[in-house]
Amino acid sequence: MATDLPRPGVTPPVPIPAELRSPEPESEPLDDRLRRELRETTLELEVTKAQLSTCQQDLERARRHLADLEELIRDLPQIFERKFHQRLQPLLDQQQLLAQDNHALREQARRLLPPAPPPPPPAPEIEPTPAPDSSQQDVLAPLRALRQRWLRR
């Protein structure tokens, strides 16, 4: 029983946790370790292959989407032209109906209204004869007098 008690000045050994212990060289045979590493590497390879396959599928979907968008871009001018004509056609039809109504109303007015009187004959052209210089000055004399009165104010 004396051996069960610790001796003064001597500490009992502390056990080392398993995760901190170095593996014992003979704890796992080499074949088992290699098989385990092979399984781990095989699993990693399968995961990588699955990721690669997913990426390839995503790439193929993106390429198809890109092709669809490029086709849509090529078709856009025809789409816009078709839409324009679809919106233009009702306006053209309405314009044609209005032109027909206008023509019919003009014909009706022409039939119902009395004919317009003929235009008067053109007046004979009278060429002014040049007045003598003295008479032209006589015509301008009242205007000059008016101007003078206006300026005196």
Protein backbone atom coordinates (compact mmCIF):
# COMPACT_ATOMS: atom_id res chain seq x y z
CA MET A 1 0.00 0.00 0.00
CA ALA A 2 2.83 2.30 0.44
CA THR A 3 3.42 2.25 -3.27
CA ASP A 4 -0.01 3.70 -3.97
CA LEU A 5 0.81 6.99 -2.35
CA PRO A 6 2.89 9.51 -4.24
CA ARG A 7 6.29 10.16 -2.91
CA PRO A 8 7.06 13.67 -1.82
CA GLY A 9 8.92 15.69 -4.50
CA VAL A 10 8.01 13.25 -7.30
CA THR A 11 5.03 13.98 -9.55
CA PRO A 12 3.16 11.15 -11.17
CA PRO A 13 3.31 10.96 -15.02
CA VAL A 14 0.51 12.76 -16.93
CA PRO A 15 -1.06 10.77 -19.77
CA ILE A 16 -0.67 12.34 -23.30
CA PRO A 17 -3.94 12.76 -25.25
CA ALA A 18 -4.31 10.41 -28.20
CA GLU A 19 -4.46 13.19 -30.85
CA LEU A 20 -1.10 14.56 -29.66
CA ARG A 21 0.68 11.22 -29.59
CA SER A 22 2.81 10.36 -32.59
CA PRO A 23 1.62 7.27 -34.36
CA GLU A 24 3.48 4.22 -33.47
CA PRO A 25 5.41 2.92 -36.41
CA GLU A 26 3.88 -0.50 -36.27
CA SER A 27 0.34 0.64 -35.35
CA GLU A 28 -0.87 0.52 -39.00
CA PRO A 29 0.66 -1.77 -41.57
CA LEU A 30 1.97 -0.08 -44.73
CA ASP A 31 -0.54 -1.85 -46.99
CA ASP A 32 -3.48 -0.63 -44.90
CA ARG A 33 -2.18 2.93 -44.89
CA LEU A 34 -1.67 2.89 -48.66
CA ARG A 35 -5.15 1.44 -49.21
CA ARG A 36 -6.67 4.13 -46.98
CA GLU A 37 -4.81 6.89 -48.86
CA LEU A 38 -5.87 5.32 -52.17
CA ARG A 39 -9.52 5.33 -51.04
CA GLU A 40 -9.25 8.97 -49.95
CA THR A 41 -7.60 9.96 -53.23
CA THR A 42 -10.21 8.00 -55.20
CA LEU A 43 -13.00 9.80 -53.33
CA GLU A 44 -11.35 13.17 -54.01
CA LEU A 45 -11.01 12.21 -57.68
CA GLU A 46 -14.70 11.25 -57.89
CA VAL A 47 -15.71 14.55 -56.25
CA THR A 48 -13.49 16.45 -58.68
CA LYS A 49 -14.97 14.53 -61.63
CA ALA A 50 -18.49 15.37 -60.42
CA GLN A 51 -17.53 19.03 -60.12
CA LEU A 52 -15.98 18.94 -63.60
CA SER A 53 -19.12 17.34 -65.02
CA THR A 54 -21.29 20.00 -63.37
CA CYS A 55 -19.06 22.76 -64.72
CA GLN A 56 -19.18 21.25 -68.22
CA GLN A 57 -22.98 21.06 -68.06
CA ASP A 58 -23.14 24.68 -66.88
CA LEU A 59 -20.82 25.69 -69.71
CA GLU A 60 -22.97 23.87 -72.27
CA ARG A 61 -26.11 25.55 -70.92
CA ALA A 62 -24.38 28.93 -71.08
CA ARG A 63 -23.30 28.27 -74.69
CA ARG A 64 -26.86 27.33 -75.69
CA HIS A 65 -28.18 30.45 -73.95
CA LEU A 66 -25.57 32.56 -75.74
CA ALA A 67 -26.55 31.04 -79.10
CA ASP A 68 -30.22 31.80 -78.36
CA LEU A 69 -29.38 35.40 -77.48
CA GLU A 70 -27.26 35.84 -80.61
CA GLU A 71 -30.12 34.50 -82.73
CA LEU A 72 -32.50 36.92 -81.01
CA ILE A 73 -30.12 39.80 -81.71
CA ARG A 74 -30.00 38.81 -85.40
CA ASP A 75 -33.82 38.70 -85.48
CA LEU A 76 -34.36 42.01 -83.66
CA PRO A 77 -34.48 44.22 -86.78
CA GLN A 78 -37.20 42.04 -88.35
CA ILE A 79 -39.08 41.89 -85.04
CA PHE A 80 -39.04 45.68 -84.68
CA GLU A 81 -40.01 46.16 -88.33
CA ARG A 82 -42.92 43.73 -87.97
CA LYS A 83 -44.08 45.48 -84.78
CA PHE A 84 -43.79 48.87 -86.52
CA HIS A 85 -45.92 47.70 -89.45
CA GLN A 86 -48.47 46.17 -87.08
CA ARG A 87 -48.87 49.55 -85.39
CA LEU A 88 -48.68 51.51 -88.64
CA GLN A 89 -51.34 49.54 -90.53
CA PRO A 90 -54.33 50.75 -88.44
CA LEU A 91 -53.14 54.33 -88.89
CA LEU A 92 -52.86 53.88 -92.66
CA ASP A 93 -56.33 52.33 -92.76
CA GLN A 94 -57.74 55.24 -90.76
CA GLN A 95 -56.00 57.74 -93.05
CA GLN A 96 -57.47 56.03 -96.10
CA LEU A 97 -60.98 56.12 -94.58
CA LEU A 98 -60.60 59.80 -93.74
CA ALA A 99 -59.42 60.55 -97.29
CA GLN A 100 -62.45 58.70 -98.70
CA ASP A 101 -64.79 60.60 -96.35
CA ASN A 102 -63.15 63.88 -97.35
CA HIS A 103 -63.57 63.10 -101.05
CA ALA A 104 -67.22 62.08 -100.56
CA LEU A 105 -67.97 65.28 -98.61
CA ARG A 106 -66.33 67.42 -101.28
CA GLU A 107 -68.39 65.72 -103.99
CA GLN A 108 -71.57 66.18 -101.96
CA ALA A 109 -70.78 69.86 -101.37
CA ARG A 110 -70.01 70.36 -105.06
CA ARG A 111 -73.39 68.86 -106.03
CA LEU A 112 -75.43 70.73 -103.40
CA LEU A 113 -73.92 74.20 -103.63
CA PRO A 114 -74.79 76.48 -106.56
CA PRO A 115 -72.02 77.00 -109.01
CA ALA A 116 -69.76 79.89 -108.26
CA PRO A 117 -70.19 82.98 -110.47
CA PRO A 118 -67.59 83.35 -113.16
CA PRO A 119 -64.71 85.56 -112.21
CA PRO A 120 -64.86 89.14 -113.48
CA PRO A 121 -62.91 89.88 -116.60
CA PRO A 122 -59.48 91.20 -115.95
CA ALA A 123 -59.19 94.97 -115.86
CA PRO A 124 -57.37 96.54 -118.77
CA GLU A 125 -53.90 97.45 -117.90
CA ILE A 126 -53.36 101.18 -117.77
CA GLU A 127 -49.85 102.29 -118.05
CA PRO A 128 -49.16 105.44 -116.08
CA THR A 129 -47.83 108.22 -118.17
CA PRO A 130 -44.86 109.97 -116.80
CA ALA A 131 -45.84 113.32 -115.34
CA PRO A 132 -43.81 116.39 -115.99
CA ASP A 133 -41.36 117.24 -113.26
CA SER A 134 -43.22 120.36 -112.20
CA SER A 135 -46.50 118.48 -111.59
CA GLN A 136 -44.68 115.84 -109.56
CA GLN A 137 -43.26 118.53 -107.34
CA ASP A 138 -46.76 120.03 -106.95
CA VAL A 139 -48.03 116.68 -105.66
CA LEU A 140 -45.25 116.49 -103.09
CA ALA A 141 -45.65 120.10 -101.87
CA PRO A 142 -48.46 119.36 -99.34
CA LEU A 143 -46.41 116.49 -97.90
CA ARG A 144 -43.42 118.75 -97.47
CA ALA A 145 -45.53 121.36 -95.70
CA LEU A 146 -46.93 118.71 -93.36
CA ARG A 147 -43.42 117.55 -92.59
CA GLN A 148 -42.32 121.06 -91.78
CA ARG A 149 -45.24 121.58 -89.39
CA TRP A 150 -44.55 118.28 -87.69
CA LEU A 151 -40.89 119.09 -87.17
CA ARG A 152 -41.71 122.50 -85.65
CA ARG A 153 -43.61 120.99 -82.75
